[in-house]
């Protein structure tokens, strides 16, 4: 089992920056891939960025050049550094972890991000 807890969300002005945290606990050694997703009201959950245990990353086109995903395996924490935030509908950002053993996905409870214009 893996437990994920997100934090760091809140209200920020357009053009500002924010850092999200995802703290993992449980059988951390089984995690191969972690990712950030976001979901706005009435919309489907979409992937924002992902990172493999070896360090390779991928990003949604909409955030490339503005967001940076990283992880500190020693601290069992994943981060999402967001710059140049755009005024959009509030979204809940979720942390996801995928087990390399079972391929099961684990989700956190989410943290809301609101960017004001």
Protein backbone atom coordinates (compact mmCIF):
# COMPACT_ATOMS: atom_id res chain seq x y z
CA UNK A 1 0.00 0.00 0.00
CA UNK A 2 1.05 3.55 -0.72
CA UNK A 3 -0.39 6.67 0.85
CA UNK A 4 -0.07 10.07 -0.77
CA UNK A 5 -0.71 13.47 0.78
CA UNK A 6 -0.62 16.66 -1.26
CA UNK A 7 -0.03 20.13 0.12
CA UNK A 8 1.01 23.57 -0.99
CA UNK A 9 -2.10 24.67 -2.83
CA UNK A 10 -3.96 27.90 -2.29
CA UNK A 11 -4.62 31.21 -3.97
CA UNK A 12 -2.04 32.92 -6.14
CA UNK A 13 -2.15 35.83 -8.55
CA UNK A 14 -1.72 35.33 -12.25
CA UNK A 15 1.94 35.42 -13.19
CA UNK A 16 2.96 34.19 -9.78
CA UNK A 17 4.49 30.93 -8.69
CA UNK A 18 3.54 28.10 -6.38
CA UNK A 19 5.10 24.85 -5.23
CA UNK A 20 3.10 21.72 -4.59
CA UNK A 21 4.25 18.83 -2.45
CA UNK A 22 3.30 15.16 -2.48
CA UNK A 23 4.46 13.17 0.51
CA UNK A 24 4.46 9.40 0.04
CA UNK A 25 4.41 6.73 2.70
CA UNK A 26 4.02 2.98 2.76
CA UNK A 27 5.80 0.64 0.39
CA UNK A 28 7.75 3.42 -1.33
CA UNK A 29 10.24 1.06 -2.94
CA UNK A 30 7.45 -0.30 -5.14
CA UNK A 31 6.82 3.06 -6.81
CA UNK A 32 8.15 3.43 -10.34
CA UNK A 33 6.22 6.37 -11.72
CA UNK A 34 4.70 9.41 -10.08
CA UNK A 35 2.69 12.18 -11.64
CA UNK A 36 0.65 15.30 -11.04
CA UNK A 37 -2.86 15.55 -12.44
CA UNK A 38 -5.38 18.35 -12.21
CA UNK A 39 -9.12 18.54 -12.49
CA UNK A 40 -11.26 21.63 -12.90
CA UNK A 41 -14.99 21.59 -12.16
CA UNK A 42 -16.92 19.88 -14.93
CA UNK A 43 -13.78 18.72 -16.69
CA UNK A 44 -11.90 15.47 -16.89
CA UNK A 45 -8.81 14.90 -14.82
CA UNK A 46 -5.73 15.58 -16.96
CA UNK A 47 -2.09 14.79 -16.53
CA UNK A 48 0.17 17.75 -15.88
CA UNK A 49 3.58 16.15 -15.48
CA UNK A 50 5.15 12.81 -14.64
CA UNK A 51 8.48 11.51 -13.39
CA UNK A 52 10.03 8.06 -13.38
CA UNK A 53 12.15 6.72 -10.56
CA UNK A 54 15.25 7.07 -12.76
CA UNK A 55 14.48 10.75 -13.18
CA UNK A 56 13.08 11.12 -16.68
CA UNK A 57 10.13 13.47 -16.92
CA UNK A 58 7.25 14.37 -19.21
CA UNK A 59 4.93 17.35 -19.33
CA UNK A 60 1.64 18.37 -20.82
CA UNK A 61 2.14 20.85 -23.65
CA UNK A 62 0.18 23.46 -21.76
CA UNK A 63 2.71 23.61 -18.93
CA UNK A 64 6.01 22.99 -20.69
CA UNK A 65 8.53 25.64 -19.83
CA UNK A 66 6.48 26.86 -16.85
CA UNK A 67 6.20 23.84 -14.55
CA UNK A 68 8.95 21.59 -13.20
CA UNK A 69 8.37 18.20 -11.63
CA UNK A 70 10.95 16.67 -9.34
CA UNK A 71 11.21 14.09 -6.60
CA UNK A 72 13.44 13.55 -3.60
CA UNK A 73 13.57 9.82 -3.02
CA UNK A 74 15.34 10.26 0.31
CA UNK A 75 12.42 12.35 1.56
CA UNK A 76 9.76 10.32 -0.25
CA UNK A 77 8.42 13.55 -1.67
CA UNK A 78 7.49 14.75 -5.12
CA UNK A 79 7.25 18.39 -6.06
CA UNK A 80 5.61 20.50 -8.72
CA UNK A 81 7.12 23.94 -9.12
CA UNK A 82 4.76 26.16 -11.06
CA UNK A 83 5.79 29.48 -12.59
CA UNK A 84 3.94 32.06 -14.68
CA UNK A 85 0.61 30.77 -13.52
CA UNK A 86 -2.31 31.66 -15.76
CA UNK A 87 -5.73 32.81 -14.61
CA UNK A 88 -7.87 29.72 -15.05
CA UNK A 89 -10.75 28.03 -13.33
CA UNK A 90 -9.77 26.64 -9.93
CA UNK A 91 -8.44 23.12 -10.17
CA UNK A 92 -7.64 20.38 -7.74
CA UNK A 93 -4.16 18.99 -8.20
CA UNK A 94 -3.74 15.31 -7.48
CA UNK A 95 -0.66 13.22 -6.89
CA UNK A 96 -0.51 9.76 -8.41
CA UNK A 97 1.93 6.91 -7.85
CA UNK A 98 2.18 3.70 -9.85
CA UNK A 99 3.57 0.48 -8.47
CA UNK A 100 6.18 -1.25 -10.62
CA UNK A 101 5.19 -4.56 -9.07
CA UNK A 102 1.41 -4.54 -9.45
CA UNK A 103 0.98 -1.51 -11.80
CA UNK A 104 -1.71 -0.37 -9.39
CA UNK A 105 -2.26 3.38 -9.18
CA UNK A 106 -2.55 5.26 -5.92
CA UNK A 107 -4.03 8.74 -5.56
CA UNK A 108 -3.84 11.47 -2.98
CA UNK A 109 -6.81 13.50 -1.83
CA UNK A 110 -5.82 16.56 -3.84
CA UNK A 111 -4.95 20.17 -3.14
CA UNK A 112 -6.78 23.09 -4.70
CA UNK A 113 -5.03 25.75 -6.72
CA UNK A 114 -6.76 28.98 -7.60
CA UNK A 115 -5.13 31.54 -9.86
CA UNK A 116 -6.72 34.98 -9.73
CA UNK A 117 -6.51 37.50 -12.54
